[in-house]
Amino acid sequence: MNAVKIAYKPVGLTLGILSGVLAERLFRRAWRLIDDEEETPGATDEDRSWQAVLLAAALQGAILAGVRAAVDRAGATATRRVTGTWPG
């Protein structure tokens, strides 16, 4: 493992945490456009329908995956610009 890959590990970890926070905020905003309820439905929410629970889970997963991919790709691209080496 080269030095750039080792040096990128803490950066990648930090970016992963930040992307999770950003994705959660985006999901909550998107959910408010779909449903009037302030709370997003959880899998064990007895008062929410199957459709609401499954839609919320699918939307949350899609947003998380998209945001993480965008943030990871931006971090790798920035690392290449700075060091000349792709971190992955």
N, C-alpha and C. Protein backbone atom coordinates (compact mmCIF):
# COMPACT_ATOMS: atom_id res chain seq x y z
N MET A 1 0.86 -1.17 0.00
CA MET A 1 0.00 0.00 0.00
C MET A 1 0.90 1.23 0.00
N ASN A 2 0.63 2.15 -0.93
CA ASN A 2 1.50 3.32 -1.00
C ASN A 2 1.08 4.40 -0.01
N ALA A 3 1.91 5.42 0.11
CA ALA A 3 1.71 6.47 1.11
C ALA A 3 0.43 7.25 0.88
N VAL A 4 0.04 7.47 -0.38
CA VAL A 4 -1.18 8.23 -0.66
C VAL A 4 -2.40 7.47 -0.16
N LYS A 5 -2.44 6.16 -0.38
CA LYS A 5 -3.57 5.36 0.09
C LYS A 5 -3.65 5.37 1.61
N ILE A 6 -2.53 5.29 2.27
CA ILE A 6 -2.52 5.32 3.73
C ILE A 6 -2.95 6.69 4.24
N ALA A 7 -2.44 7.74 3.61
CA ALA A 7 -2.79 9.10 4.05
C ALA A 7 -4.26 9.41 3.77
N TYR A 8 -4.83 8.79 2.75
CA TYR A 8 -6.22 9.06 2.39
C TYR A 8 -7.22 8.39 3.33
N LYS A 9 -6.81 7.35 4.03
CA LYS A 9 -7.74 6.60 4.90
C LYS A 9 -8.49 7.50 5.88
N PRO A 10 -7.82 8.35 6.67
CA PRO A 10 -8.59 9.20 7.59
C PRO A 10 -9.44 10.23 6.85
N VAL A 11 -8.97 10.68 5.71
CA VAL A 11 -9.76 11.62 4.91
C VAL A 11 -11.03 10.93 4.42
N GLY A 12 -10.87 9.72 3.90
CA GLY A 12 -12.02 8.96 3.43
C GLY A 12 -13.02 8.66 4.53
N LEU A 13 -12.52 8.35 5.72
CA LEU A 13 -13.40 8.09 6.86
C LEU A 13 -14.19 9.34 7.24
N THR A 14 -13.51 10.46 7.29
CA THR A 14 -14.17 11.73 7.61
C THR A 14 -15.21 12.09 6.55
N LEU A 15 -14.85 11.93 5.29
CA LEU A 15 -15.80 12.21 4.21
C LEU A 15 -17.01 11.28 4.29
N GLY A 16 -16.80 10.03 4.68
CA GLY A 16 -17.90 9.09 4.83
C GLY A 16 -18.89 9.52 5.91
N ILE A 17 -18.37 10.00 7.02
CA ILE A 17 -19.23 10.48 8.10
C ILE A 17 -20.01 11.71 7.66
N LEU A 18 -19.31 12.65 7.02
CA LEU A 18 -19.97 13.87 6.56
C LEU A 18 -21.02 13.58 5.50
N SER A 19 -20.74 12.61 4.62
CA SER A 19 -21.73 12.28 3.60
C SER A 19 -22.96 11.65 4.22
N GLY A 20 -22.80 10.88 5.29
CA GLY A 20 -23.95 10.31 6.00
C GLY A 20 -24.83 11.38 6.61
N VAL A 21 -24.21 12.38 7.21
CA VAL A 21 -24.96 13.50 7.80
C VAL A 21 -25.71 14.28 6.72
N LEU A 22 -25.02 14.57 5.62
CA LEU A 22 -25.64 15.30 4.52
C LEU A 22 -26.79 14.49 3.92
N ALA A 23 -26.59 13.20 3.71
CA ALA A 23 -27.63 12.35 3.14
C ALA A 23 -28.86 12.31 4.04
N GLU A 24 -28.66 12.24 5.34
CA GLU A 24 -29.80 12.21 6.27
C GLU A 24 -30.60 13.51 6.18
N ARG A 25 -29.92 14.63 6.09
CA ARG A 25 -30.63 15.92 5.95
C ARG A 25 -31.40 15.98 4.64
N LEU A 26 -30.78 15.53 3.55
CA LEU A 26 -31.46 15.53 2.26
C LEU A 26 -32.67 14.59 2.28
N PHE A 27 -32.52 13.45 2.92
CA PHE A 27 -33.63 12.51 3.01
C PHE A 27 -34.80 13.12 3.77
N ARG A 28 -34.53 13.75 4.89
CA ARG A 28 -35.62 14.35 5.68
C ARG A 28 -36.35 15.43 4.88
N ARG A 29 -35.60 16.23 4.12
CA ARG A 29 -36.23 17.24 3.27
C ARG A 29 -37.08 16.60 2.18
N ALA A 30 -36.54 15.58 1.53
CA ALA A 30 -37.28 14.89 0.47
C ALA A 30 -38.53 14.24 1.03
N TRP A 31 -38.43 13.66 2.22
CA TRP A 31 -39.59 12.98 2.81
C TRP A 31 -40.69 13.98 3.12
N ARG A 32 -40.34 15.18 3.55
CA ARG A 32 -41.36 16.19 3.84
C ARG A 32 -42.15 16.57 2.59
N LEU A 33 -41.54 16.43 1.41
CA LEU A 33 -42.25 16.70 0.16
C LEU A 33 -43.24 15.59 -0.17
N ILE A 34 -42.97 14.39 0.31
CA ILE A 34 -43.81 13.22 0.02
C ILE A 34 -44.93 13.07 1.03
N ASP A 35 -44.62 13.26 2.31
CA ASP A 35 -45.56 12.99 3.39
C ASP A 35 -45.63 14.20 4.32
N ASP A 36 -46.83 14.49 4.81
CA ASP A 36 -47.01 15.64 5.71
C ASP A 36 -46.45 15.40 7.10
N GLU A 37 -46.23 14.14 7.44
CA GLU A 37 -45.71 13.82 8.78
C GLU A 37 -44.29 14.34 8.95
N GLU A 38 -43.99 14.88 10.10
CA GLU A 38 -42.64 15.37 10.38
C GLU A 38 -41.64 14.22 10.55
N GLU A 39 -42.09 13.15 11.22
CA GLU A 39 -41.24 11.98 11.45
C GLU A 39 -41.21 11.08 10.23
N THR A 40 -40.04 10.56 9.92
CA THR A 40 -39.96 9.58 8.86
C THR A 40 -40.33 8.21 9.44
N PRO A 41 -41.01 7.37 8.65
CA PRO A 41 -41.44 6.08 9.21
C PRO A 41 -40.29 5.11 9.39
N GLY A 42 -40.31 4.43 10.50
CA GLY A 42 -39.35 3.37 10.77
C GLY A 42 -39.98 2.02 10.49
N ALA A 43 -39.17 1.00 10.39
CA ALA A 43 -39.67 -0.34 10.07
C ALA A 43 -40.65 -0.87 11.10
N THR A 44 -40.52 -0.45 12.34
CA THR A 44 -41.41 -0.96 13.40
C THR A 44 -42.48 0.05 13.79
N ASP A 45 -42.69 1.06 12.97
CA ASP A 45 -43.74 2.05 13.22
C ASP A 45 -45.10 1.41 12.95
N GLU A 46 -45.81 1.07 14.00
CA GLU A 46 -47.08 0.35 13.86
C GLU A 46 -48.14 1.19 13.14
N ASP A 47 -48.10 2.50 13.30
CA ASP A 47 -49.14 3.37 12.75
C ASP A 47 -48.90 3.73 11.28
N ARG A 48 -47.80 3.32 10.70
CA ARG A 48 -47.49 3.67 9.30
C ARG A 48 -47.72 2.46 8.40
N SER A 49 -48.11 2.73 7.18
CA SER A 49 -48.42 1.65 6.23
C SER A 49 -47.14 1.00 5.70
N TRP A 50 -47.31 -0.19 5.15
CA TRP A 50 -46.18 -0.88 4.50
C TRP A 50 -45.61 -0.01 3.39
N GLN A 51 -46.50 0.60 2.60
CA GLN A 51 -46.03 1.43 1.48
C GLN A 51 -45.15 2.57 1.97
N ALA A 52 -45.57 3.24 3.03
CA ALA A 52 -44.80 4.37 3.56
C ALA A 52 -43.45 3.92 4.08
N VAL A 53 -43.44 2.82 4.80
CA VAL A 53 -42.18 2.31 5.37
C VAL A 53 -41.21 1.90 4.27
N LEU A 54 -41.70 1.15 3.28
CA LEU A 54 -40.83 0.68 2.20
C LEU A 54 -40.38 1.82 1.29
N LEU A 55 -41.26 2.77 1.02
CA LEU A 55 -40.87 3.92 0.21
C LEU A 55 -39.80 4.74 0.92
N ALA A 56 -39.99 4.96 2.21
CA ALA A 56 -39.00 5.72 2.98
C ALA A 56 -37.65 5.01 2.98
N ALA A 57 -37.65 3.70 3.16
CA ALA A 57 -36.39 2.95 3.19
C ALA A 57 -35.69 3.00 1.83
N ALA A 58 -36.45 2.84 0.76
CA ALA A 58 -35.86 2.88 -0.58
C ALA A 58 -35.31 4.27 -0.91
N LEU A 59 -36.07 5.29 -0.57
CA LEU A 59 -35.62 6.66 -0.82
C LEU A 59 -34.37 6.99 -0.01
N GLN A 60 -34.37 6.59 1.25
CA GLN A 60 -33.21 6.84 2.11
C GLN A 60 -31.97 6.12 1.58
N GLY A 61 -32.13 4.89 1.15
CA GLY A 61 -31.00 4.14 0.60
C GLY A 61 -30.46 4.76 -0.68
N ALA A 62 -31.36 5.18 -1.56
CA ALA A 62 -30.93 5.79 -2.81
C ALA A 62 -30.19 7.10 -2.57
N ILE A 63 -30.72 7.92 -1.67
CA ILE A 63 -30.06 9.20 -1.37
C ILE A 63 -28.71 8.95 -0.72
N LEU A 64 -28.64 8.04 0.23
CA LEU A 64 -27.37 7.75 0.89
C LEU A 64 -26.33 7.25 -0.11
N ALA A 65 -26.71 6.32 -0.97
CA ALA A 65 -25.76 5.79 -1.95
C ALA A 65 -25.29 6.86 -2.91
N GLY A 66 -26.20 7.69 -3.37
CA GLY A 66 -25.83 8.76 -4.30
C GLY A 66 -24.90 9.79 -3.68
N VAL A 67 -25.22 10.22 -2.48
CA VAL A 67 -24.39 11.21 -1.80
C VAL A 67 -23.02 10.64 -1.47
N ARG A 68 -22.98 9.42 -0.97
CA ARG A 68 -21.68 8.80 -0.64
C ARG A 68 -20.81 8.65 -1.87
N ALA A 69 -21.40 8.22 -2.99
CA ALA A 69 -20.63 8.07 -4.22
C ALA A 69 -20.09 9.42 -4.70
N ALA A 70 -20.92 10.44 -4.64
CA ALA A 70 -20.48 11.77 -5.08
C ALA A 70 -19.36 12.31 -4.19
N VAL A 71 -19.51 12.16 -2.88
CA VAL A 71 -18.50 12.65 -1.95
C VAL A 71 -17.21 11.84 -2.07
N ASP A 72 -17.30 10.53 -2.17
CA ASP A 72 -16.11 9.69 -2.33
C ASP A 72 -15.37 10.03 -3.62
N ARG A 73 -16.13 10.19 -4.69
CA ARG A 73 -15.52 10.51 -5.99
C ARG A 73 -14.85 11.89 -5.94
N ALA A 74 -15.51 12.87 -5.32
CA ALA A 74 -14.92 14.20 -5.21
C ALA A 74 -13.64 14.17 -4.37
N GLY A 75 -13.64 13.40 -3.29
CA GLY A 75 -12.45 13.27 -2.46
C GLY A 75 -11.29 12.63 -3.20
N ALA A 76 -11.59 11.58 -3.97
CA ALA A 76 -10.54 10.91 -4.74
C ALA A 76 -10.01 11.82 -5.84
N THR A 77 -10.91 12.55 -6.49
CA THR A 77 -10.48 13.47 -7.54
C THR A 77 -9.60 14.58 -6.96
N ALA A 78 -9.98 15.13 -5.82
CA ALA A 78 -9.18 16.17 -5.17
C ALA A 78 -7.81 15.63 -4.76
N THR A 79 -7.78 14.40 -4.27
CA THR A 79 -6.51 13.78 -3.89
C THR A 79 -5.61 13.62 -5.11
N ARG A 80 -6.18 13.22 -6.22
CA ARG A 80 -5.37 13.08 -7.44
C ARG A 80 -4.81 14.43 -7.88
N ARG A 81 -5.62 15.49 -7.79
CA ARG A 81 -5.14 16.83 -8.17
C ARG A 81 -3.98 17.28 -7.29
N VAL A 82 -4.08 16.96 -6.00
CA VAL A 82 -3.05 17.40 -5.06
C VAL A 82 -1.79 16.55 -5.14
N THR A 83 -1.97 15.24 -5.21
CA THR A 83 -0.82 14.33 -5.14
C THR A 83 -0.38 13.74 -6.48
N GLY A 84 -1.29 13.75 -7.45
CA GLY A 84 -1.00 13.13 -8.73
C GLY A 84 -1.26 11.64 -8.76
N THR A 85 -1.78 11.09 -7.65
CA THR A 85 -2.04 9.66 -7.52
C THR A 85 -3.49 9.44 -7.09
N TRP A 86 -4.14 8.47 -7.74
CA TRP A 86 -5.51 8.10 -7.36
C TRP A 86 -5.45 7.28 -6.07
N PRO A 87 -6.24 7.64 -5.04
CA PRO A 87 -6.13 6.98 -3.74
C PRO A 87 -6.71 5.56 -3.69
N GLY A 88 -7.56 5.20 -4.60
CA GLY A 88 -8.24 3.90 -4.53
C GLY A 88 -7.44 2.85 -5.11
